[in-house]
Amino acid sequence: IQLDGADGPAIAAGATVAIPGVAPGTHAVG
């Protein structure tokens, strides 16, 4: 998972991953 251009946690196909503590506002997720 990439959040705002930085690599985040891994995620498998068919899985769900929660990312807490995200600042309010607009973010880029890919």
PDB file of all heavy atoms in Angstrom:
ATOM      1  N   ILE A   1       0.862  -1.180   0.000  1.00  0.00           N
ATOM      2  CA  ILE A   1       0.000   0.000   0.000  1.00  0.00           C
ATOM      3  C   ILE A   1       0.902   1.235   0.000  1.00  0.00           C
ATOM      4  O   ILE A   1       1.854   1.332   0.776  1.00  0.00           O
ATOM      5  CB  ILE A   1      -0.920   0.007   1.233  1.00  0.00           C
ATOM      6  CG1 ILE A   1      -1.827  -1.231   1.222  1.00  0.00           C
ATOM      7  CG2 ILE A   1      -1.756   1.280   1.271  1.00  0.00           C
ATOM      8  CD1 ILE A   1      -2.645  -1.399   2.480  1.00  0.00           C
ATOM      9  N   GLN A   2       0.560   2.182  -0.850  1.00  0.00           N
ATOM     10  CA  GLN A   2       1.312   3.432  -0.922  1.00  0.00           C
ATOM     11  C   GLN A   2       0.395   4.569  -0.508  1.00  0.00           C
ATOM     12  O   GLN A   2      -0.671   4.768  -1.099  1.00  0.00           O
ATOM     13  CB  GLN A   2       1.855   3.668  -2.325  1.00  0.00           C
ATOM     14  CG  GLN A   2       2.900   4.751  -2.407  1.00  0.00           C
ATOM     15  CD  GLN A   2       3.515   4.854  -3.790  1.00  0.00           C
ATOM     16  OE1 GLN A   2       2.797   5.176  -4.741  1.00  0.00           O
ATOM     17  NE2 GLN A   2       4.797   4.582  -3.911  1.00  0.00           N
ATOM     18  N   LEU A   3       0.832   5.299   0.542  1.00  0.00           N
ATOM     19  CA  LEU A   3       0.037   6.414   1.068  1.00  0.00           C
ATOM     20  C   LEU A   3       0.827   7.701   0.909  1.00  0.00           C
ATOM     21  O   LEU A   3       1.928   7.838   1.467  1.00  0.00           O
ATOM     22  CB  LEU A   3      -0.301   6.172   2.543  1.00  0.00           C
ATOM     23  CG  LEU A   3      -1.085   7.290   3.253  1.00  0.00           C
ATOM     24  CD1 LEU A   3      -2.441   7.508   2.591  1.00  0.00           C
ATOM     25  CD2 LEU A   3      -1.256   6.973   4.733  1.00  0.00           C
ATOM     26  N   ASP A   4       0.262   8.593   0.116  1.00  0.00           N
ATOM     27  CA  ASP A   4       0.898   9.899  -0.126  1.00  0.00           C
ATOM     28  C   ASP A   4       2.346   9.738  -0.605  1.00  0.00           C
ATOM     29  O   ASP A   4       3.257  10.464  -0.185  1.00  0.00           O
ATOM     30  CB  ASP A   4       0.850  10.765   1.137  1.00  0.00           C
ATOM     31  CG  ASP A   4      -0.584  11.118   1.543  1.00  0.00           C
ATOM     32  OD1 ASP A   4      -1.439  11.202   0.641  1.00  0.00           O
ATOM     33  OD2 ASP A   4      -0.835  11.280   2.756  1.00  0.00           O
ATOM     34  N   GLY A   5       2.582   8.727  -1.490  1.00  0.00           N
ATOM     35  CA  GLY A   5       3.896   8.535  -2.095  1.00  0.00           C
ATOM     36  C   GLY A   5       4.864   7.730  -1.274  1.00  0.00           C
ATOM     37  O   GLY A   5       5.971   7.427  -1.753  1.00  0.00           O
ATOM     38  N   ALA A   6       4.506   7.348  -0.057  1.00  0.00           N
ATOM     39  CA  ALA A   6       5.395   6.554   0.788  1.00  0.00           C
ATOM     40  C   ALA A   6       4.853   5.135   0.894  1.00  0.00           C
ATOM     41  O   ALA A   6       3.641   4.918   0.974  1.00  0.00           O
ATOM     42  CB  ALA A   6       5.524   7.180   2.169  1.00  0.00           C
ATOM     43  N   ASP A   7       5.781   4.149   0.887  1.00  0.00           N
ATOM     44  CA  ASP A   7       5.361   2.756   0.999  1.00  0.00           C
ATOM     45  C   ASP A   7       4.821   2.480   2.389  1.00  0.00           C
ATOM     46  O   ASP A   7       5.429   2.853   3.409  1.00  0.00           O
ATOM     47  CB  ASP A   7       6.531   1.818   0.698  1.00  0.00           C
ATOM     48  CG  ASP A   7       6.877   1.801  -0.783  1.00  0.00           C
ATOM     49  OD1 ASP A   7       6.010   2.198  -1.580  1.00  0.00           O
ATOM     50  OD2 ASP A   7       8.002   1.412  -1.120  1.00  0.00           O
ATOM     51  N   GLY A   8       3.671   1.829   2.433  1.00  0.00           N
ATOM     52  CA  GLY A   8       3.046   1.454   3.688  1.00  0.00           C
ATOM     53  C   GLY A   8       3.066  -0.047   3.884  1.00  0.00           C
ATOM     54  O   GLY A   8       3.952  -0.745   3.374  1.00  0.00           O
ATOM     55  N   PRO A   9       2.081  -0.592   4.595  1.00  0.00           N
ATOM     56  CA  PRO A   9       2.058  -2.036   4.878  1.00  0.00           C
ATOM     57  C   PRO A   9       1.769  -2.860   3.637  1.00  0.00           C
ATOM     58  O   PRO A   9       1.235  -2.369   2.643  1.00  0.00           O
ATOM     59  CB  PRO A   9       0.954  -2.164   5.929  1.00  0.00           C
ATOM     60  CG  PRO A   9       0.072  -0.979   5.674  1.00  0.00           C
ATOM     61  CD  PRO A   9       0.962   0.126   5.226  1.00  0.00           C
ATOM     62  N   ALA A  10       2.146  -4.143   3.726  1.00  0.00           N
ATOM     63  CA  ALA A  10       1.841  -5.077   2.646  1.00  0.00           C
ATOM     64  C   ALA A  10       0.391  -5.514   2.739  1.00  0.00           C
ATOM     65  O   ALA A  10      -0.218  -5.512   3.816  1.00  0.00           O
ATOM     66  CB  ALA A  10       2.770  -6.285   2.730  1.00  0.00           C
ATOM     67  N   ILE A  11      -0.148  -5.913   1.576  1.00  0.00           N
ATOM     68  CA  ILE A  11      -1.520  -6.409   1.541  1.00  0.00           C
ATOM     69  C   ILE A  11      -1.590  -7.517   0.510  1.00  0.00           C
ATOM     70  O   ILE A  11      -1.027  -7.407  -0.584  1.00  0.00           O
ATOM     71  CB  ILE A  11      -2.517  -5.269   1.227  1.00  0.00           C
ATOM     72  CG1 ILE A  11      -3.960  -5.783   1.309  1.00  0.00           C
ATOM     73  CG2 ILE A  11      -2.224  -4.633  -0.125  1.00  0.00           C
ATOM     74  CD1 ILE A  11      -4.996  -4.661   1.242  1.00  0.00           C
ATOM     75  N   ALA A  12      -2.219  -8.613   0.868  1.00  0.00           N
ATOM     76  CA  ALA A  12      -2.361  -9.734  -0.050  1.00  0.00           C
ATOM     77  C   ALA A  12      -3.615  -9.556  -0.887  1.00  0.00           C
ATOM     78  O   ALA A  12      -4.536  -8.807  -0.531  1.00  0.00           O
ATOM     79  CB  ALA A  12      -2.415 -11.041   0.732  1.00  0.00           C
ATOM     80  N   ALA A  13      -3.633 -10.243  -2.031  1.00  0.00           N
ATOM     81  CA  ALA A  13      -4.834 -10.211  -2.873  1.00  0.00           C
ATOM     82  C   ALA A  13      -6.004 -10.796  -2.096  1.00  0.00           C
ATOM     83  O   ALA A  13      -5.911 -11.870  -1.499  1.00  0.00           O
ATOM     84  CB  ALA A  13      -4.588 -10.984  -4.155  1.00  0.00           C
ATOM     85  N   GLY A  14      -7.138 -10.046  -2.034  1.00  0.00           N
ATOM     86  CA  GLY A  14      -8.319 -10.493  -1.305  1.00  0.00           C
ATOM     87  C   GLY A  14      -8.298 -10.134   0.158  1.00  0.00           C
ATOM     88  O   GLY A  14      -9.191 -10.559   0.908  1.00  0.00           O
ATOM     89  N   ALA A  15      -7.325  -9.337   0.632  1.00  0.00           N
ATOM     90  CA  ALA A  15      -7.219  -9.000   2.048  1.00  0.00           C
ATOM     91  C   ALA A  15      -7.639  -7.561   2.285  1.00  0.00           C
ATOM     92  O   ALA A  15      -7.793  -6.751   1.363  1.00  0.00           O
ATOM     93  CB  ALA A  15      -5.791  -9.220   2.529  1.00  0.00           C
ATOM     94  N   THR A  16      -7.860  -7.245   3.601  1.00  0.00           N
ATOM     95  CA  THR A  16      -8.206  -5.893   4.031  1.00  0.00           C
ATOM     96  C   THR A  16      -7.203  -5.462   5.094  1.00  0.00           C
ATOM     97  O   THR A  16      -6.915  -6.218   6.027  1.00  0.00           O
ATOM     98  CB  THR A  16      -9.627  -5.841   4.597  1.00  0.00           C
ATOM     99  OG1 THR A  16     -10.558  -6.251   3.586  1.00  0.00           O
ATOM    100  CG2 THR A  16      -9.973  -4.421   5.056  1.00  0.00           C
ATOM    101  N   VAL A  17      -6.667  -4.248   4.974  1.00  0.00           N
ATOM    102  CA  VAL A  17      -5.691  -3.719   5.914  1.00  0.00           C
ATOM    103  C   VAL A  17      -6.155  -2.355   6.388  1.00  0.00           C
ATOM    104  O   VAL A  17      -6.548  -1.496   5.585  1.00  0.00           O
ATOM    105  CB  VAL A  17      -4.288  -3.609   5.272  1.00  0.00           C
ATOM    106  CG1 VAL A  17      -3.330  -2.867   6.186  1.00  0.00           C
ATOM    107  CG2 VAL A  17      -3.739  -4.990   4.946  1.00  0.00           C
ATOM    108  N   ALA A  18      -6.164  -2.146   7.739  1.00  0.00           N
ATOM    109  CA  ALA A  18      -6.556  -0.866   8.325  1.00  0.00           C
ATOM    110  C   ALA A  18      -5.316  -0.035   8.610  1.00  0.00           C
ATOM    111  O   ALA A  18      -4.311  -0.533   9.117  1.00  0.00           O
ATOM    112  CB  ALA A  18      -7.355  -1.089   9.610  1.00  0.00           C
ATOM    113  N   ILE A  19      -5.397   1.224   8.318  1.00  0.00           N
ATOM    114  CA  ILE A  19      -4.317   2.173   8.597  1.00  0.00           C
ATOM    115  C   ILE A  19      -4.886   3.256   9.494  1.00  0.00           C
ATOM    116  O   ILE A  19      -5.632   4.141   9.044  1.00  0.00           O
ATOM    117  CB  ILE A  19      -3.762   2.792   7.296  1.00  0.00           C
ATOM    118  CG1 ILE A  19      -3.288   1.697   6.341  1.00  0.00           C
ATOM    119  CG2 ILE A  19      -2.620   3.746   7.602  1.00  0.00           C
ATOM    120  CD1 ILE A  19      -2.811   2.209   5.007  1.00  0.00           C
ATOM    121  N   PRO A  20      -4.593   3.224  10.807  1.00  0.00           N
ATOM    122  CA  PRO A  20      -5.140   4.232  11.713  1.00  0.00           C
ATOM    123  C   PRO A  20      -4.281   5.489  11.719  1.00  0.00           C
ATOM    124  O   PRO A  20      -3.194   5.541  11.152  1.00  0.00           O
ATOM    125  CB  PRO A  20      -5.091   3.519  13.069  1.00  0.00           C
ATOM    126  CG  PRO A  20      -3.895   2.619  12.950  1.00  0.00           C
ATOM    127  CD  PRO A  20      -3.839   2.174  11.519  1.00  0.00           C
ATOM    128  N   GLY A  21      -4.799   6.505  12.450  1.00  0.00           N
ATOM    129  CA  GLY A  21      -4.031   7.718  12.678  1.00  0.00           C
ATOM    130  C   GLY A  21      -3.739   8.511  11.432  1.00  0.00           C
ATOM    131  O   GLY A  21      -2.679   9.121  11.318  1.00  0.00           O
ATOM    132  N   VAL A  22      -4.677   8.542  10.504  1.00  0.00           N
ATOM    133  CA  VAL A  22      -4.487   9.304   9.278  1.00  0.00           C
ATOM    134  C   VAL A  22      -5.052  10.701   9.494  1.00  0.00           C
ATOM    135  O   VAL A  22      -6.200  10.862   9.954  1.00  0.00           O
ATOM    136  CB  VAL A  22      -5.174   8.612   8.091  1.00  0.00           C
ATOM    137  CG1 VAL A  22      -4.951   9.416   6.814  1.00  0.00           C
ATOM    138  CG2 VAL A  22      -4.650   7.194   7.934  1.00  0.00           C
ATOM    139  N   ALA A  23      -4.271  11.714   9.192  1.00  0.00           N
ATOM    140  CA  ALA A  23      -4.710  13.093   9.396  1.00  0.00           C
ATOM    141  C   ALA A  23      -5.919  13.400   8.528  1.00  0.00           C
ATOM    142  O   ALA A  23      -6.021  12.924   7.386  1.00  0.00           O
ATOM    143  CB  ALA A  23      -3.571  14.044   9.063  1.00  0.00           C
ATOM    144  N   PRO A  24      -6.860  14.173   9.063  1.00  0.00           N
ATOM    145  CA  PRO A  24      -8.024  14.547   8.244  1.00  0.00           C
ATOM    146  C   PRO A  24      -7.579  15.302   6.998  1.00  0.00           C
ATOM    147  O   PRO A  24      -6.610  16.056   7.010  1.00  0.00           O
ATOM    148  CB  PRO A  24      -8.824  15.451   9.184  1.00  0.00           C
ATOM    149  CG  PRO A  24      -8.351  15.111  10.565  1.00  0.00           C
ATOM    150  CD  PRO A  24      -6.915  14.742  10.426  1.00  0.00           C
ATOM    151  N   GLY A  25      -8.273  15.087   5.901  1.00  0.00           N
ATOM    152  CA  GLY A  25      -7.959  15.766   4.655  1.00  0.00           C
ATOM    153  C   GLY A  25      -7.916  14.803   3.487  1.00  0.00           C
ATOM    154  O   GLY A  25      -8.384  13.651   3.572  1.00  0.00           O
ATOM    155  N   THR A  26      -7.353  15.266   2.384  1.00  0.00           N
ATOM    156  CA  THR A  26      -7.288  14.491   1.144  1.00  0.00           C
ATOM    157  C   THR A  26      -5.948  13.769   1.068  1.00  0.00           C
ATOM    158  O   THR A  26      -4.888  14.371   1.305  1.00  0.00           O
ATOM    159  CB  THR A  26      -7.453  15.406  -0.083  1.00  0.00           C
ATOM    160  OG1 THR A  26      -8.710  16.086   0.032  1.00  0.00           O
ATOM    161  CG2 THR A  26      -7.424  14.594  -1.363  1.00  0.00           C
ATOM    162  N   HIS A  27      -5.989  12.483   0.723  1.00  0.00           N
ATOM    163  CA  HIS A  27      -4.783  11.668   0.635  1.00  0.00           C
ATOM    164  C   HIS A  27      -4.795  10.883  -0.671  1.00  0.00           C
ATOM    165  O   HIS A  27      -5.856  10.657  -1.275  1.00  0.00           O
ATOM    166  CB  HIS A  27      -4.687  10.709   1.821  1.00  0.00           C
ATOM    167  CG  HIS A  27      -4.558  11.411   3.137  1.00  0.00           C
ATOM    168  ND1 HIS A  27      -3.356  11.792   3.674  1.00  0.00           N
ATOM    169  CD2 HIS A  27      -5.527  11.819   4.025  1.00  0.00           C
ATOM    170  CE1 HIS A  27      -3.556  12.400   4.833  1.00  0.00           C
ATOM    171  NE2 HIS A  27      -4.877  12.429   5.069  1.00  0.00           N
ATOM    172  N   ALA A  28      -3.564  10.455  -1.098  1.00  0.00           N
ATOM    173  CA  ALA A  28      -3.412   9.610  -2.301  1.00  0.00           C
ATOM    174  C   ALA A  28      -3.095   8.194  -1.847  1.00  0.00           C
ATOM    175  O   ALA A  28      -2.119   7.964  -1.128  1.00  0.00           O
ATOM    176  CB  ALA A  28      -2.310  10.144  -3.194  1.00  0.00           C
ATOM    177  N   VAL A  29      -3.930   7.248  -2.259  1.00  0.00           N
ATOM    178  CA  VAL A  29      -3.780   5.847  -1.862  1.00  0.00           C
ATOM    179  C   VAL A  29      -3.670   4.999  -3.120  1.00  0.00           C
ATOM    180  O   VAL A  29      -4.474   5.151  -4.054  1.00  0.00           O
ATOM    181  CB  VAL A  29      -4.963   5.371  -1.002  1.00  0.00           C
ATOM    182  CG1 VAL A  29      -4.751   3.929  -0.556  1.00  0.00           C
ATOM    183  CG2 VAL A  29      -5.143   6.278   0.208  1.00  0.00           C
ATOM    184  N   GLY A  30      -2.653   4.126  -3.179  1.00  0.00           N
ATOM    185  CA  GLY A  30      -2.477   3.250  -4.338  1.00  0.00           C
ATOM    186  C   GLY A  30      -1.749   1.984  -3.956  1.00  0.00           C
ATOM    187  O   GLY A  30      -1.457   1.728  -2.785  1.00  0.00           O
TER     188      GLY A  30
END
